[in-house]
């Protein structure tokens, strides 16, 4: 079975419910969290997740639309990138 991995980054002003709201979207699309890190610097919330979907024919466009809607509701910036693209873009 193949899987698709994504790196999801979240940045914004800290408030209650950010993690809950985002993980709810992941659950709706059956996206699993492989690794997660979050930090709060004063009032700035940052989170990065390595996630994966094992669903054949995963609808990335619908997932990104749902994630973007969650970001808009929360007032945070969320980016989704395929793992291989993220690694390529951030190698030194």
Protein backbone atom coordinates (compact mmCIF):
# COMPACT_ATOMS: atom_id res chain seq x y z
CA UNK A 1 0.00 0.00 0.00
CA UNK A 2 1.37 3.41 -0.93
CA UNK A 3 1.06 6.45 1.23
CA UNK A 4 1.29 10.16 0.65
CA UNK A 5 3.16 12.21 3.21
CA UNK A 6 2.66 15.92 3.83
CA UNK A 7 4.36 18.55 5.95
CA UNK A 8 1.83 20.93 7.48
CA UNK A 9 2.96 24.18 9.08
CA UNK A 10 0.78 26.46 11.20
CA UNK A 11 1.72 29.96 12.36
CA UNK A 12 -0.42 32.57 14.09
CA UNK A 13 -1.46 34.24 17.30
CA UNK A 14 -2.08 31.64 20.00
CA UNK A 15 -5.65 30.90 21.03
CA UNK A 16 -7.61 28.01 22.47
CA UNK A 17 -8.57 25.27 20.02
CA UNK A 18 -6.01 25.58 17.23
CA UNK A 19 -4.71 22.02 17.55
CA UNK A 20 -8.21 20.61 18.07
CA UNK A 21 -9.62 22.36 15.02
CA UNK A 22 -6.79 21.31 12.72
CA UNK A 23 -6.65 17.72 13.92
CA UNK A 24 -10.41 17.48 13.40
CA UNK A 25 -9.86 18.28 9.70
CA UNK A 26 -7.10 15.66 9.55
CA UNK A 27 -9.44 13.07 11.06
CA UNK A 28 -12.19 13.89 8.56
CA UNK A 29 -9.77 13.11 5.71
CA UNK A 30 -8.23 10.10 7.51
CA UNK A 31 -4.83 11.79 7.62
CA UNK A 32 -2.55 10.40 10.33
CA UNK A 33 -0.03 12.45 12.30
CA UNK A 34 3.39 10.77 12.05
CA UNK A 35 5.25 13.44 14.03
CA UNK A 36 4.29 16.78 15.56
CA UNK A 37 6.08 19.69 17.19
CA UNK A 38 4.59 22.89 18.52
CA UNK A 39 5.98 25.93 20.25
CA UNK A 40 4.44 29.02 21.74
CA UNK A 41 6.74 32.05 21.80
CA UNK A 42 5.00 34.69 23.91
CA UNK A 43 1.71 34.86 21.97
CA UNK A 44 2.95 33.35 18.68
CA UNK A 45 1.83 29.77 18.00
CA UNK A 46 3.90 27.60 15.67
CA UNK A 47 3.33 23.97 14.77
CA UNK A 48 4.80 21.60 12.23
CA UNK A 49 3.39 18.16 11.53
CA UNK A 50 4.53 15.28 9.37
CA UNK A 51 1.33 13.59 8.26
CA UNK A 52 0.34 10.80 5.92
CA UNK A 53 -2.65 9.46 4.07
CA UNK A 54 -2.82 5.82 3.08
CA UNK A 55 -6.01 6.39 1.11
CA UNK A 56 -5.64 5.48 -2.55
CA UNK A 57 -6.54 8.46 -4.71
CA UNK A 58 -6.31 10.95 -1.82
CA UNK A 59 -8.05 14.21 -2.81
CA UNK A 60 -5.33 16.74 -2.06
CA UNK A 61 -7.34 19.67 -3.43
CA UNK A 62 -10.31 19.00 -1.14
CA UNK A 63 -7.95 18.51 1.82
CA UNK A 64 -6.15 21.80 1.12
CA UNK A 65 -9.49 23.61 0.78
CA UNK A 66 -10.61 22.26 4.17
CA UNK A 67 -7.27 23.11 5.82
CA UNK A 68 -7.35 26.63 4.33
CA UNK A 69 -10.91 27.12 5.61
CA UNK A 70 -9.77 26.02 9.08
CA UNK A 71 -6.90 28.49 8.92
CA UNK A 72 -9.26 31.29 7.92
CA UNK A 73 -11.62 30.46 10.80
CA UNK A 74 -8.73 30.40 13.28
CA UNK A 75 -6.88 33.41 11.88
CA UNK A 76 -3.68 31.39 11.35
CA UNK A 77 -1.57 30.65 8.29
CA UNK A 78 -1.49 27.00 7.31
CA UNK A 79 0.62 25.50 4.54
CA UNK A 80 0.49 21.94 3.22
CA UNK A 81 3.37 20.57 1.16
CA UNK A 82 4.14 17.08 -0.03
CA UNK A 83 7.01 15.70 2.06
CA UNK A 84 9.38 15.21 -0.87
CA UNK A 85 8.77 18.75 -2.17
CA UNK A 86 9.28 20.21 1.32
CA UNK A 87 12.56 18.32 1.76
CA UNK A 88 13.80 19.38 -1.67
CA UNK A 89 12.97 23.04 -1.05
CA UNK A 90 14.64 23.11 2.38
CA UNK A 91 17.82 21.21 1.80
CA UNK A 92 21.08 23.05 2.26
